Amino acid sequence: MEIRETYSPEESCRIGEELGRTLTGSEIICLNGDMGTGKTVLAQGIALGLGIEEPVSSPTFTILQSYEGGRLPLYHFDVYRIEEPEEMEEIGYEDCFFGDGVTLVEWSDLIAELIPEHAIKIWIEKDPDKGDDYRRITIFRGDLGDSATE
C-alpha cells in the first residue's frame, strides 16, 4: 500500500503520470472515490504517462472511451451508470480487461465481482480540513481482497 497526499489537481495529475510511466500493459486500474474527488484527473495523468496526448475526459455517458495514441492502448471505463455487472458483457469489457492495453475503471466498486484480483486499486479521498484541493490517494497493488476497503 502506498499513500500520497496532494494539494492541487496538478499534483494529483503528476501522480497519475508517474504511475502511467511504469505500466507495461495488461494492467487494470480501479479508481474509486466520491463524486468530484479527482478520478478523471488521475486518469488524465495516467494517459500522459502512457504518451497519450489527446484530451481525456470521463466517459460517464458512453461508459467506455478508448485511446490508441500512446505506447499502449488505454481503455477508460466509467461504470457509474451500470446497473448490473452483466451490462459490462454487452460492452465487451473482457477484450479490454484481458488485452494488452491498460484499463482504467472509475467506480469499480460497482462491478467488484468482475475485477481480477491482480488489479491495482486506488482510493481518492477529500479532507475539507486540509483544504478544498487536498486529496489522499491510496494505492493498493495486487490481491488484497476486502482489506483494500478497510
C-alpha atoms as a PDB file:
ATOM      1  CA  MET A   1       0.000   0.000   0.000  1.00  0.00           C
ATOM      2  CA  GLU A   2       1.197   3.474  -0.890  1.00  0.00           C
ATOM      3  CA  ILE A   3      -0.372   6.707   0.378  1.00  0.00           C
ATOM      4  CA  ARG A   4       0.203  10.004  -1.408  1.00  0.00           C
ATOM      5  CA  GLU A   5      -1.168  13.401  -0.440  1.00  0.00           C
ATOM      6  CA  THR A   6      -1.738  16.202  -2.910  1.00  0.00           C
ATOM      7  CA  TYR A   7      -2.888  19.795  -2.595  1.00  0.00           C
ATOM      8  CA  SER A   8      -3.783  20.589  -6.210  1.00  0.00           C
ATOM      9  CA  PRO A   9      -5.223  18.854  -9.266  1.00  0.00           C
ATOM     10  CA  GLU A  10      -1.833  19.309 -10.944  1.00  0.00           C
ATOM     11  CA  GLU A  11      -0.107  17.313  -8.195  1.00  0.00           C
ATOM     12  CA  SER A  12      -2.734  14.563  -8.500  1.00  0.00           C
ATOM     13  CA  CYS A  13      -2.230  14.511 -12.261  1.00  0.00           C
ATOM     14  CA  ARG A  14       1.541  14.128 -11.763  1.00  0.00           C
ATOM     15  CA  ILE A  15       0.968  11.079  -9.531  1.00  0.00           C
ATOM     16  CA  GLY A  16      -1.110   9.561 -12.319  1.00  0.00           C
ATOM     17  CA  GLU A  17       1.589  10.410 -14.831  1.00  0.00           C
ATOM     18  CA  GLU A  18       4.256   8.728 -12.661  1.00  0.00           C
ATOM     19  CA  LEU A  19       2.088   5.614 -12.469  1.00  0.00           C
ATOM     20  CA  GLY A  20       1.406   5.695 -16.206  1.00  0.00           C
ATOM     21  CA  ARG A  21       5.118   5.653 -16.972  1.00  0.00           C
ATOM     22  CA  THR A  22       5.539   2.393 -15.017  1.00  0.00           C
ATOM     23  CA  LEU A  23       2.771   0.495 -16.809  1.00  0.00           C
ATOM     24  CA  THR A  24       3.735  -2.277 -19.205  1.00  0.00           C
ATOM     25  CA  GLY A  25       0.328  -3.489 -20.406  1.00  0.00           C
ATOM     26  CA  SER A  26      -2.432  -5.799 -19.206  1.00  0.00           C
ATOM     27  CA  GLU A  27      -2.943  -3.717 -16.040  1.00  0.00           C
ATOM     28  CA  ILE A  28      -6.379  -2.944 -14.663  1.00  0.00           C
ATOM     29  CA  ILE A  29      -6.517   0.160 -12.508  1.00  0.00           C
ATOM     30  CA  CYS A  30      -9.575   0.737 -10.349  1.00  0.00           C
ATOM     31  CA  LEU A  31     -10.316   4.349  -9.438  1.00  0.00           C
ATOM     32  CA  ASN A  32     -12.722   4.843  -6.547  1.00  0.00           C
ATOM     33  CA  GLY A  33     -13.783   7.851  -4.543  1.00  0.00           C
ATOM     34  CA  ASP A  34     -16.734  10.117  -4.048  1.00  0.00           C
ATOM     35  CA  MET A  35     -18.019  12.344  -6.841  1.00  0.00           C
ATOM     36  CA  GLY A  36     -15.569  15.148  -7.507  1.00  0.00           C
ATOM     37  CA  THR A  37     -12.529  13.623  -5.811  1.00  0.00           C
ATOM     38  CA  GLY A  38     -10.440  13.621  -8.977  1.00  0.00           C
ATOM     39  CA  LYS A  39     -10.714  10.173 -10.529  1.00  0.00           C
ATOM     40  CA  THR A  40     -10.656  11.671 -14.008  1.00  0.00           C
ATOM     41  CA  VAL A  41      -7.717  13.943 -13.114  1.00  0.00           C
ATOM     42  CA  LEU A  42      -5.744  10.861 -12.101  1.00  0.00           C
ATOM     43  CA  ALA A  43      -6.858   9.134 -15.325  1.00  0.00           C
ATOM     44  CA  GLN A  44      -5.594  12.125 -17.329  1.00  0.00           C
ATOM     45  CA  GLY A  45      -2.216  11.812 -15.633  1.00  0.00           C
ATOM     46  CA  ILE A  46      -2.031   8.081 -16.366  1.00  0.00           C
ATOM     47  CA  ALA A  47      -2.793   8.843 -20.020  1.00  0.00           C
ATOM     48  CA  LEU A  48       0.037  11.393 -20.096  1.00  0.00           C
ATOM     49  CA  GLY A  49       2.375   8.789 -18.613  1.00  0.00           C
ATOM     50  CA  LEU A  50       1.403   6.469 -21.452  1.00  0.00           C
ATOM     51  CA  GLY A  51       2.205   9.170 -24.017  1.00  0.00           C
ATOM     52  CA  ILE A  52      -1.416   9.881 -24.911  1.00  0.00           C
ATOM     53  CA  GLU A  53      -1.705  13.495 -25.983  1.00  0.00           C
ATOM     54  CA  GLU A  54      -5.399  13.747 -26.837  1.00  0.00           C
ATOM     55  CA  PRO A  55      -7.777  15.138 -24.190  1.00  0.00           C
ATOM     56  CA  VAL A  56      -9.060  12.547 -21.714  1.00  0.00           C
ATOM     57  CA  SER A  57     -12.493  13.022 -20.198  1.00  0.00           C
ATOM     58  CA  SER A  58     -14.710  10.808 -18.105  1.00  0.00           C
ATOM     59  CA  PRO A  59     -16.830   8.515 -20.284  1.00  0.00           C
ATOM     60  CA  THR A  60     -19.822   8.927 -17.968  1.00  0.00           C
ATOM     61  CA  PHE A  61     -22.474   8.597 -20.662  1.00  0.00           C
ATOM     62  CA  THR A  62     -20.609   6.408 -23.151  1.00  0.00           C
ATOM     63  CA  ILE A  63     -19.218   4.120 -20.398  1.00  0.00           C
ATOM     64  CA  LEU A  64     -16.051   3.359 -22.431  1.00  0.00           C
ATOM     65  CA  GLN A  65     -13.561   5.613 -24.158  1.00  0.00           C
ATOM     66  CA  SER A  66     -10.548   4.139 -25.976  1.00  0.00           C
ATOM     67  CA  TYR A  67      -7.273   5.957 -26.616  1.00  0.00           C
ATOM     68  CA  GLU A  68      -4.771   4.456 -29.050  1.00  0.00           C
ATOM     69  CA  GLY A  69      -2.244   7.289 -29.419  1.00  0.00           C
ATOM     70  CA  GLY A  70       0.264   6.267 -26.723  1.00  0.00           C
ATOM     71  CA  ARG A  71       2.776   3.497 -26.213  1.00  0.00           C
ATOM     72  CA  LEU A  72      -0.093   1.267 -25.002  1.00  0.00           C
ATOM     73  CA  PRO A  73      -3.822   1.412 -25.691  1.00  0.00           C
ATOM     74  CA  LEU A  74      -5.861   2.903 -22.840  1.00  0.00           C
ATOM     75  CA  TYR A  75      -9.414   1.736 -22.154  1.00  0.00           C
ATOM     76  CA  HIS A  76     -11.186   4.138 -19.821  1.00  0.00           C
ATOM     77  CA  PHE A  77     -14.439   2.929 -18.255  1.00  0.00           C
ATOM     78  CA  ASP A  78     -16.829   4.922 -16.086  1.00  0.00           C
ATOM     79  CA  VAL A  79     -19.287   2.386 -14.717  1.00  0.00           C
ATOM     80  CA  TYR A  80     -21.268   4.808 -12.539  1.00  0.00           C
ATOM     81  CA  ARG A  81     -24.370   4.253 -14.677  1.00  0.00           C
ATOM     82  CA  ILE A  82     -24.054   0.453 -14.866  1.00  0.00           C
ATOM     83  CA  GLU A  83     -26.974  -1.111 -13.015  1.00  0.00           C
ATOM     84  CA  GLU A  84     -25.983  -4.772 -13.348  1.00  0.00           C
ATOM     85  CA  PRO A  85     -22.481  -6.186 -13.931  1.00  0.00           C
ATOM     86  CA  GLU A  86     -23.929  -8.201 -16.836  1.00  0.00           C
ATOM     87  CA  GLU A  87     -24.188  -4.928 -18.776  1.00  0.00           C
ATOM     88  CA  MET A  88     -20.403  -4.964 -18.979  1.00  0.00           C
ATOM     89  CA  GLU A  89     -20.579  -8.110 -21.114  1.00  0.00           C
ATOM     90  CA  GLU A  90     -22.640  -6.220 -23.692  1.00  0.00           C
ATOM     91  CA  ILE A  91     -19.867  -3.624 -23.897  1.00  0.00           C
ATOM     92  CA  GLY A  92     -17.228  -6.321 -24.398  1.00  0.00           C
ATOM     93  CA  TYR A  93     -15.270  -5.481 -21.264  1.00  0.00           C
ATOM     94  CA  GLU A  94     -13.282  -8.754 -21.397  1.00  0.00           C
ATOM     95  CA  ASP A  95     -11.431  -7.630 -24.528  1.00  0.00           C
ATOM     96  CA  CYS A  96     -10.181  -4.608 -22.578  1.00  0.00           C
ATOM     97  CA  PHE A  97      -9.653  -6.261 -19.191  1.00  0.00           C
ATOM     98  CA  PHE A  98      -7.684  -9.167 -20.612  1.00  0.00           C
ATOM     99  CA  GLY A  99      -5.987  -7.477 -23.564  1.00  0.00           C
ATOM    100  CA  ASP A 100      -2.547  -5.932 -23.930  1.00  0.00           C
ATOM    101  CA  GLY A 101      -3.526  -2.367 -23.045  1.00  0.00           C
ATOM    102  CA  VAL A 102      -4.171  -0.553 -19.783  1.00  0.00           C
ATOM    103  CA  THR A 103      -7.716  -0.493 -18.424  1.00  0.00           C
ATOM    104  CA  LEU A 104      -8.956   2.233 -16.070  1.00  0.00           C
ATOM    105  CA  VAL A 105     -12.256   1.687 -14.287  1.00  0.00           C
ATOM    106  CA  GLU A 106     -13.870   4.602 -12.477  1.00  0.00           C
ATOM    107  CA  TRP A 107     -16.380   3.481  -9.808  1.00  0.00           C
ATOM    108  CA  SER A 108     -15.033  -0.078  -9.995  1.00  0.00           C
ATOM    109  CA  ASP A 109     -16.630  -0.980  -6.671  1.00  0.00           C
ATOM    110  CA  LEU A 110     -19.952  -1.138  -8.583  1.00  0.00           C
ATOM    111  CA  ILE A 111     -18.682  -4.113 -10.604  1.00  0.00           C
ATOM    112  CA  ALA A 112     -16.389  -5.611  -7.952  1.00  0.00           C
ATOM    113  CA  GLU A 113     -17.203  -9.190  -8.943  1.00  0.00           C
ATOM    114  CA  LEU A 114     -15.716  -8.578 -12.413  1.00  0.00           C
ATOM    115  CA  ILE A 115     -12.441  -7.087 -11.181  1.00  0.00           C
ATOM    116  CA  PRO A 116      -9.495  -9.536 -11.227  1.00  0.00           C
ATOM    117  CA  GLU A 117      -7.517  -9.994  -8.021  1.00  0.00           C
ATOM    118  CA  HIS A 118      -4.343  -8.573  -9.591  1.00  0.00           C
ATOM    119  CA  ALA A 119      -5.924  -5.163 -10.283  1.00  0.00           C
ATOM    120  CA  ILE A 120      -4.347  -2.003  -8.926  1.00  0.00           C
ATOM    121  CA  LYS A 121      -6.909  -0.379  -6.639  1.00  0.00           C
ATOM    122  CA  ILE A 122      -6.796   3.348  -5.969  1.00  0.00           C
ATOM    123  CA  TRP A 123      -8.958   5.235  -3.477  1.00  0.00           C
ATOM    124  CA  ILE A 124      -9.106   9.019  -3.601  1.00  0.00           C
ATOM    125  CA  GLU A 125     -10.428  10.911  -0.592  1.00  0.00           C
ATOM    126  CA  LYS A 126     -11.007  14.547   0.286  1.00  0.00           C
ATOM    127  CA  ASP A 127     -10.416  16.134   3.702  1.00  0.00           C
ATOM    128  CA  PRO A 128     -12.037  19.591   3.880  1.00  0.00           C
ATOM    129  CA  ASP A 129      -9.964  20.402   6.975  1.00  0.00           C
ATOM    130  CA  LYS A 130      -6.845  20.281   4.791  1.00  0.00           C
ATOM    131  CA  GLY A 131      -8.265  22.464   2.004  1.00  0.00           C
ATOM    132  CA  ASP A 132     -10.589  22.168  -0.967  1.00  0.00           C
ATOM    133  CA  ASP A 133      -7.912  20.730  -3.248  1.00  0.00           C
ATOM    134  CA  TYR A 134      -6.396  18.259  -0.761  1.00  0.00           C
ATOM    135  CA  ARG A 135      -6.551  14.594  -1.807  1.00  0.00           C
ATOM    136  CA  ARG A 136      -5.350  11.443  -0.089  1.00  0.00           C
ATOM    137  CA  ILE A 137      -4.545   8.878  -2.779  1.00  0.00           C
ATOM    138  CA  THR A 138      -4.155   5.315  -1.532  1.00  0.00           C
ATOM    139  CA  ILE A 139      -2.769   2.762  -3.970  1.00  0.00           C
ATOM    140  CA  PHE A 140      -3.115  -0.986  -3.410  1.00  0.00           C
ATOM    141  CA  ARG A 141      -1.246  -3.286  -5.779  1.00  0.00           C
ATOM    142  CA  GLY A 142      -2.219  -6.896  -6.327  1.00  0.00           C
ATOM    143  CA  ASP A 143      -4.542  -9.247  -4.472  1.00  0.00           C
ATOM    144  CA  LEU A 144      -5.739  -7.592  -1.266  1.00  0.00           C
ATOM    145  CA  GLY A 145      -9.226  -8.999  -1.074  1.00  0.00           C
ATOM    146  CA  ASP A 146     -11.542  -6.910   1.084  1.00  0.00           C
ATOM    147  CA  SER A 147      -8.672  -5.353   3.056  1.00  0.00           C
ATOM    148  CA  ALA A 148      -8.457  -2.663   0.362  1.00  0.00           C
ATOM    149  CA  THR A 149     -11.693  -1.129   1.556  1.00  0.00           C
ATOM    150  CA  GLU A 150     -10.871  -1.001   5.241  1.00  0.00           C
END
